[in-house]
PDB file of N, CA and C in Angstrom:
ATOM      1  N   MET A   1     117.072  97.201  97.764  1.00  0.00           N
ATOM      2  CA  MET A   1     115.747  97.740  97.574  1.00  0.00           C
ATOM      3  C   MET A   1     114.771  97.066  98.577  1.00  0.00           C
ATOM      4  N   ILE A   2     113.820  97.854  99.037  1.00  0.00           N
ATOM      5  CA  ILE A   2     112.819  97.361  99.984  1.00  0.00           C
ATOM      6  C   ILE A   2     111.437  97.463  99.288  1.00  0.00           C
ATOM      7  N   GLU A   3     110.626  96.429  99.478  1.00  0.00           N
ATOM      8  CA  GLU A   3     109.253  96.468  98.975  1.00  0.00           C
ATOM      9  C   GLU A   3     108.421  97.363  99.869  1.00  0.00           C
ATOM     10  N   LEU A   4     107.792  98.340  99.246  1.00  0.00           N
ATOM     11  CA  LEU A   4     106.977  99.305  99.993  1.00  0.00           C
ATOM     12  C   LEU A   4     105.469  98.990  99.851  1.00  0.00           C
ATOM     13  N   LEU A   5     105.161  98.462  98.671  1.00  0.00           N
ATOM     14  CA  LEU A   5     103.740  98.242  98.336  1.00  0.00           C
ATOM     15  C   LEU A   5     103.661  97.109  97.345  1.00  0.00           C
ATOM     16  N   ARG A   6     102.662  96.237  97.503  1.00  0.00           N
ATOM     17  CA  ARG A   6     102.413  95.128  96.556  1.00  0.00           C
ATOM     18  C   ARG A   6     100.924  95.230  96.199  1.00  0.00           C
ATOM     19  N   THR A   7     100.682  95.423  94.894  1.00  0.00           N
ATOM     20  CA  THR A   7      99.298  95.652  94.425  1.00  0.00           C
ATOM     21  C   THR A   7      99.156  95.351  92.961  1.00  0.00           C
ATOM     22  N   ASN A   8      97.914  95.089  92.542  1.00  0.00           N
ATOM     23  CA  ASN A   8      97.556  95.019  91.156  1.00  0.00           C
ATOM     24  C   ASN A   8      96.694  96.234  90.788  1.00  0.00           C
ATOM     25  N   ASP A   9      96.489  97.143  91.725  1.00  0.00           N
ATOM     26  CA  ASP A   9      95.687  98.336  91.510  1.00  0.00           C
ATOM     27  C   ASP A   9      96.623  99.393  90.827  1.00  0.00           C
ATOM     28  N   LEU A  10      96.467  99.567  89.525  1.00  0.00           N
ATOM     29  CA  LEU A  10      97.333 100.454  88.794  1.00  0.00           C
ATOM     30  C   LEU A  10      97.178 101.913  89.197  1.00  0.00           C
ATOM     31  N   VAL A  11      95.980 102.292  89.626  1.00  0.00           N
ATOM     32  CA  VAL A  11      95.792 103.657  90.096  1.00  0.00           C
ATOM     33  C   VAL A  11      96.504 103.899  91.402  1.00  0.00           C
ATOM     34  N   MET A  12      96.388 102.965  92.318  1.00  0.00           N
ATOM     35  CA  MET A  12      97.158 103.098  93.600  1.00  0.00           C
ATOM     36  C   MET A  12      98.624 103.129  93.338  1.00  0.00           C
ATOM     37  N   LEU A  13      99.108 102.271  92.484  1.00  0.00           N
ATOM     38  CA  LEU A  13     100.549 102.237  92.173  1.00  0.00           C
ATOM     39  C   LEU A  13     101.015 103.552  91.573  1.00  0.00           C
ATOM     40  N   SER A  14     100.268 104.071  90.645  1.00  0.00           N
ATOM     41  CA  SER A  14     100.627 105.366  90.005  1.00  0.00           C
ATOM     42  C   SER A  14     100.595 106.489  91.033  1.00  0.00           C
ATOM     43  N   TRP A  15      99.568 106.512  91.891  1.00  0.00           N
ATOM     44  CA  TRP A  15      99.473 107.528  92.920  1.00  0.00           C
ATOM     45  C   TRP A  15     100.641 107.480  93.884  1.00  0.00           C
ATOM     46  N   ALA A  16     101.011 106.282  94.315  1.00  0.00           N
ATOM     47  CA  ALA A  16     102.094 106.138  95.269  1.00  0.00           C
ATOM     48  C   ALA A  16     103.438 106.567  94.595  1.00  0.00           C
ATOM     49  N   ARG A  17     103.647 106.163  93.392  1.00  0.00           N
ATOM     50  CA  ARG A  17     104.901 106.562  92.694  1.00  0.00           C
ATOM     51  C   ARG A  17     104.971 108.051  92.559  1.00  0.00           C
ATOM     52  N   ALA A  18     103.901 108.665  92.135  1.00  0.00           N
ATOM     53  CA  ALA A  18     103.890 110.123  91.948  1.00  0.00           C
ATOM     54  C   ALA A  18     104.138 110.846  93.271  1.00  0.00           C
ATOM     55  N   LEU A  19     103.514 110.407  94.328  1.00  0.00           N
ATOM     56  CA  LEU A  19     103.685 110.977  95.660  1.00  0.00           C
ATOM     57  C   LEU A  19     105.154 110.908  96.088  1.00  0.00           C
ATOM     58  N   LEU A  20     105.735 109.745  95.941  1.00  0.00           N
ATOM     59  CA  LEU A  20     107.130 109.567  96.386  1.00  0.00           C
ATOM     60  C   LEU A  20     108.145 110.287  95.464  1.00  0.00           C
ATOM     61  N   GLU A  21     107.902 110.234  94.204  1.00  0.00           N
ATOM     62  CA  GLU A  21     108.840 110.920  93.286  1.00  0.00           C
ATOM     63  C   GLU A  21     108.768 112.447  93.460  1.00  0.00           C
ATOM     64  N   GLU A  22     107.561 112.955  93.791  1.00  0.00           N
ATOM     65  CA  GLU A  22     107.429 114.392  94.084  1.00  0.00           C
ATOM     66  C   GLU A  22     108.259 114.760  95.317  1.00  0.00           C
ATOM     67  N   ALA A  23     108.385 113.844  96.230  1.00  0.00           N
ATOM     68  CA  ALA A  23     109.174 114.038  97.453  1.00  0.00           C
ATOM     69  C   ALA A  23     110.670 113.779  97.216  1.00  0.00           C
ATOM     70  N   GLY A  24     111.056 113.405  95.998  1.00  0.00           N
ATOM     71  CA  GLY A  24     112.447 113.139  95.721  1.00  0.00           C
ATOM     72  C   GLY A  24     112.901 111.739  96.004  1.00  0.00           C
ATOM     73  N   ILE A  25     111.974 110.817  96.161  1.00  0.00           N
ATOM     74  CA  ILE A  25     112.297 109.408  96.454  1.00  0.00           C
ATOM     75  C   ILE A  25     112.164 108.630  95.168  1.00  0.00           C
ATOM     76  N   ASP A  26     113.256 108.036  94.705  1.00  0.00           N
ATOM     77  CA  ASP A  26     113.246 107.227  93.497  1.00  0.00           C
ATOM     78  C   ASP A  26     112.527 105.902  93.769  1.00  0.00           C
ATOM     79  N   THR A  27     111.739 105.485  92.804  1.00  0.00           N
ATOM     80  CA  THR A  27     111.013 104.210  92.932  1.00  0.00           C
ATOM     81  C   THR A  27     111.297 103.335  91.713  1.00  0.00           C
ATOM     82  N   LEU A  28     111.135 102.028  91.921  1.00  0.00           N
ATOM     83  CA  LEU A  28     111.149 101.062  90.840  1.00  0.00           C
ATOM     84  C   LEU A  28     109.915 100.169  91.053  1.00  0.00           C
ATOM     85  N   VAL A  29     109.401  99.653  89.925  1.00  0.00           N
ATOM     86  CA  VAL A  29     108.286  98.695  89.998  1.00  0.00           C
ATOM     87  C   VAL A  29     108.847  97.366  89.517  1.00  0.00           C
ATOM     88  N   PHE A  30     108.798  96.365  90.409  1.00  0.00           N
ATOM     89  CA  PHE A  30     109.196  95.008  90.071  1.00  0.00           C
ATOM     90  C   PHE A  30     107.971  94.234  89.641  1.00  0.00           C
ATOM     91  N   ASP A  31     108.208  93.250  88.796  1.00  0.00           N
ATOM     92  CA  ASP A  31     107.152  92.327  88.338  1.00  0.00           C
ATOM     93  C   ASP A  31     106.097  92.964  87.462  1.00  0.00           C
ATOM     94  N   GLU A  32     106.397  94.132  86.932  1.00  0.00           N
ATOM     95  CA  GLU A  32     105.438  94.845  86.095  1.00  0.00           C
ATOM     96  C   GLU A  32     105.129  94.073  84.817  1.00  0.00           C
ATOM     97  N   GLN A  33     106.164  93.585  84.121  1.00  0.00           N
ATOM     98  CA  GLN A  33     105.951  92.857  82.888  1.00  0.00           C
ATOM     99  C   GLN A  33     105.325  91.487  83.140  1.00  0.00           C
ATOM    100  N   THR A  34     105.766  90.816  84.160  1.00  0.00           N
ATOM    101  CA  THR A  34     105.223  89.495  84.504  1.00  0.00           C
ATOM    102  C   THR A  34     103.733  89.593  84.836  1.00  0.00           C
ATOM    103  N   SER A  35     103.393  90.610  85.590  1.00  0.00           N
ATOM    104  CA  SER A  35     102.010  90.826  85.987  1.00  0.00           C
ATOM    105  C   SER A  35     101.141  91.079  84.736  1.00  0.00           C
ATOM    106  N   ALA A  36     101.666  91.856  83.804  1.00  0.00           N
ATOM    107  CA  ALA A  36     100.936  92.158  82.600  1.00  0.00           C
ATOM    108  C   ALA A  36     100.740  90.891  81.709  1.00  0.00           C
ATOM    109  N   LEU A  37     101.762  90.053  81.710  1.00  0.00           N
ATOM    110  CA  LEU A  37     101.705  88.844  80.872  1.00  0.00           C
ATOM    111  C   LEU A  37     100.704  87.826  81.359  1.00  0.00           C
ATOM    112  N   GLU A  38     100.529  87.776  82.703  1.00  0.00           N
ATOM    113  CA  GLU A  38      99.649  86.716  83.234  1.00  0.00           C
ATOM    114  C   GLU A  38      98.166  87.040  83.004  1.00  0.00           C
ATOM    115  N   GLY A  39      97.853  88.196  82.503  1.00  0.00           N
ATOM    116  CA  GLY A  39      96.502  88.533  82.134  1.00  0.00           C
ATOM    117  C   GLY A  39      95.696  89.115  83.267  1.00  0.00           C
ATOM    118  N   SER A  40      94.411  88.843  83.323  1.00  0.00           N
ATOM    119  CA  SER A  40      93.546  89.487  84.244  1.00  0.00           C
ATOM    120  C   SER A  40      93.222  88.665  85.503  1.00  0.00           C
ATOM    121  N   ILE A  41      93.991  87.625  85.754  1.00  0.00           N
ATOM    122  CA  ILE A  41      93.624  86.782  86.930  1.00  0.00           C
ATOM    123  C   ILE A  41      94.272  87.310  88.194  1.00  0.00           C
ATOM    124  N   SER A  42      95.117  88.330  88.097  1.00  0.00           N
ATOM    125  CA  SER A  42      95.732  89.033  89.250  1.00  0.00           C
ATOM    126  C   SER A  42      96.554  88.064  90.148  1.00  0.00           C
ATOM    127  N   ALA A  43      97.202  87.124  89.551  1.00  0.00           N
ATOM    128  CA  ALA A  43      98.010  86.154  90.306  1.00  0.00           C
ATOM    129  C   ALA A  43      99.333  86.744  90.772  1.00  0.00           C
ATOM    130  N   ILE A  44      99.887  87.657  90.001  1.00  0.00           N
ATOM    131  CA  ILE A  44     101.185  88.266  90.312  1.00  0.00           C
ATOM    132  C   ILE A  44     101.017  89.737  90.486  1.00  0.00           C
ATOM    133  N   CYS A  45     101.351  90.232  91.661  1.00  0.00           N
ATOM    134  CA  CYS A  45     101.254  91.622  91.974  1.00  0.00           C
ATOM    135  C   CYS A  45     102.488  92.390  91.561  1.00  0.00           C
ATOM    136  N   ARG A  46     102.284  93.660  91.218  1.00  0.00           N
ATOM    137  CA  ARG A  46     103.421  94.552  91.035  1.00  0.00           C
ATOM    138  C   ARG A  46     103.924  94.999  92.385  1.00  0.00           C
ATOM    139  N   ARG A  47     105.252  95.203  92.492  1.00  0.00           N
ATOM    140  CA  ARG A  47     105.847  95.601  93.757  1.00  0.00           C
ATOM    141  C   ARG A  47     106.567  96.930  93.609  1.00  0.00           C
ATOM    142  N   LEU A  48     106.167  97.892  94.431  1.00  0.00           N
ATOM    143  CA  LEU A  48     106.807  99.208  94.463  1.00  0.00           C
ATOM    144  C   LEU A  48     107.982  99.138  95.385  1.00  0.00           C
ATOM    145  N   MET A  49     109.148  99.440  94.864  1.00  0.00           N
ATOM    146  CA  MET A  49     110.394  99.328  95.604  1.00  0.00           C
ATOM    147  C   MET A  49     111.049 100.701  95.765  1.00  0.00           C
ATOM    148  N   VAL A  50     111.726 100.861  96.915  1.00  0.00           N
ATOM    149  CA  VAL A  50     112.480 102.079  97.218  1.00  0.00           C
ATOM    150  C   VAL A  50     113.810 101.638  97.832  1.00  0.00           C
ATOM    151  N   ARG A  51     114.772 102.569  97.827  1.00  0.00           N
ATOM    152  CA  ARG A  51     116.064 102.257  98.480  1.00  0.00           C
ATOM    153  C   ARG A  51     115.800 102.048  99.967  1.00  0.00           C
ATOM    154  N   GLU A  52     116.616 101.171 100.565  1.00  0.00           N
ATOM    155  CA  GLU A  52     116.442 100.834 101.960  1.00  0.00           C
ATOM    156  C   GLU A  52     116.520 102.042 102.881  1.00  0.00           C
ATOM    157  N   ASP A  53     117.438 102.938 102.619  1.00  0.00           N
ATOM    158  CA  ASP A  53     117.626 104.131 103.455  1.00  0.00           C
ATOM    159  C   ASP A  53     116.479 105.126 103.300  1.00  0.00           C
ATOM    160  N   GLU A  54     115.671 105.013 102.249  1.00  0.00           N
ATOM    161  CA  GLU A  54     114.531 105.918 102.041  1.00  0.00           C
ATOM    162  C   GLU A  54     113.214 105.296 102.459  1.00  0.00           C
ATOM    163  N   ALA A  55     113.225 104.028 102.817  1.00  0.00           N
ATOM    164  CA  ALA A  55     111.984 103.301 103.153  1.00  0.00           C
ATOM    165  C   ALA A  55     111.214 103.906 104.333  1.00  0.00           C
ATOM    166  N   PRO A  56     111.855 104.264 105.449  1.00  0.00           N
ATOM    167  CA  PRO A  56     111.059 104.863 106.554  1.00  0.00           C
ATOM    168  C   PRO A  56     110.356 106.136 106.152  1.00  0.00           C
ATOM    169  N   ARG A  57     111.045 107.003 105.463  1.00  0.00           N
ATOM    170  CA  ARG A  57     110.415 108.273 105.027  1.00  0.00           C
ATOM    171  C   ARG A  57     109.286 107.994 104.006  1.00  0.00           C
ATOM    172  N   ALA A  58     109.512 107.062 103.082  1.00  0.00           N
ATOM    173  CA  ALA A  58     108.513 106.713 102.112  1.00  0.00           C
ATOM    174  C   ALA A  58     107.258 106.146 102.756  1.00  0.00           C
ATOM    175  N   ARG A  59     107.431 105.271 103.729  1.00  0.00           N
ATOM    176  CA  ARG A  59     106.286 104.711 104.473  1.00  0.00           C
ATOM    177  C   ARG A  59     105.504 105.818 105.169  1.00  0.00           C
ATOM    178  N   TRP A  60     106.245 106.727 105.790  1.00  0.00           N
ATOM    179  CA  TRP A  60     105.618 107.815 106.523  1.00  0.00           C
ATOM    180  C   TRP A  60     104.804 108.697 105.553  1.00  0.00           C
ATOM    181  N   LEU A  61     105.358 108.998 104.378  1.00  0.00           N
ATOM    182  CA  LEU A  61     104.663 109.854 103.410  1.00  0.00           C
ATOM    183  C   LEU A  61     103.375 109.138 102.916  1.00  0.00           C
ATOM    184  N   LEU A  62     103.471 107.860 102.622  1.00  0.00           N
ATOM    185  CA  LEU A  62     102.285 107.119 102.177  1.00  0.00           C
ATOM    186  C   LEU A  62     101.240 107.050 103.270  1.00  0.00           C
ATOM    187  N   ASP A  63     101.629 106.757 104.509  1.00  0.00           N
ATOM    188  CA  ASP A  63     100.675 106.698 105.589  1.00  0.00           C
ATOM    189  C   ASP A  63      99.996 108.051 105.839  1.00  0.00           C
ATOM    190  N   ARG A  64     100.773 109.117 105.804  1.00  0.00           N
ATOM    191  CA  ARG A  64     100.187 110.448 106.010  1.00  0.00           C
ATOM    192  C   ARG A  64      99.208 110.769 104.890  1.00  0.00           C
ATOM    193  N   ALA A  65      99.553 110.498 103.674  1.00  0.00           N
ATOM    194  CA  ALA A  65      98.666 110.794 102.526  1.00  0.00           C
ATOM    195  C   ALA A  65      97.370 109.959 102.607  1.00  0.00           C
ATOM    196  N   ARG A  66      97.458 108.689 102.977  1.00  0.00           N
ATOM    197  CA  ARG A  66      96.290 107.866 103.149  1.00  0.00           C
ATOM    198  C   ARG A  66      95.368 108.411 104.238  1.00  0.00           C
ATOM    199  N   ARG A  67      95.944 108.845 105.345  1.00  0.00           N
ATOM    200  CA  ARG A  67      95.156 109.438 106.439  1.00  0.00           C
ATOM    201  C   ARG A  67      94.453 110.712 105.977  1.00  0.00           C
ATOM    202  N   GLU A  68      95.128 111.531 105.213  1.00  0.00           N
ATOM    203  CA  GLU A  68      94.506 112.769 104.737  1.00  0.00           C
ATOM    204  C   GLU A  68      93.346 112.413 103.783  1.00  0.00           C
ATOM    205  N   ILE A  69      93.490 111.412 102.974  1.00  0.00           N
ATOM    206  CA  ILE A  69      92.394 111.020 102.067  1.00  0.00           C
ATOM    207  C   ILE A  69      91.209 110.505 102.891  1.00  0.00           C
ATOM    208  N   GLU A  70      91.482 109.666 103.875  1.00  0.00           N
ATOM    209  CA  GLU A  70      90.438 109.125 104.717  1.00  0.00           C
ATOM    210  C   GLU A  70      89.678 110.255 105.483  1.00  0.00           C
ATOM    211  N   ASP A  71      90.449 111.207 105.972  1.00  0.00           N
ATOM    212  CA  ASP A  71      89.851 112.323 106.722  1.00  0.00           C
ATOM    213  C   ASP A  71      88.953 113.181 105.847  1.00  0.00           C
ATOM    214  N   ASP A  72      89.301 113.313 104.568  1.00  0.00           N
ATOM    215  CA  ASP A  72      88.532 114.132 103.666  1.00  0.00           C
ATOM    216  C   ASP A  72      87.288 113.377 103.154  1.00  0.00           C
ATOM    217  N   GLY A  73      87.341 112.056 103.244  1.00  0.00           N
ATOM    218  CA  GLY A  73      86.241 111.217 102.695  1.00  0.00           C
ATOM    219  C   GLY A  73      85.218 110.986 103.703  1.00  0.00           C
TER     220      GLY A  73
END
């Protein structure tokens, strides 16, 4: 598995997972429980993981979606 995104922003994480899963890319979130246990100090980020062979396509999809959001804003 390859780390695609590291964040404590639950909205960003949810958006990225939905985008990738809609494209047929399976995702896993590492450190989700540990991050929740440490409370609100944001010391431990959640990590969005994808299979290594899907990482280039996943990065491309996220980059494209971010650019579209920036262009609309």
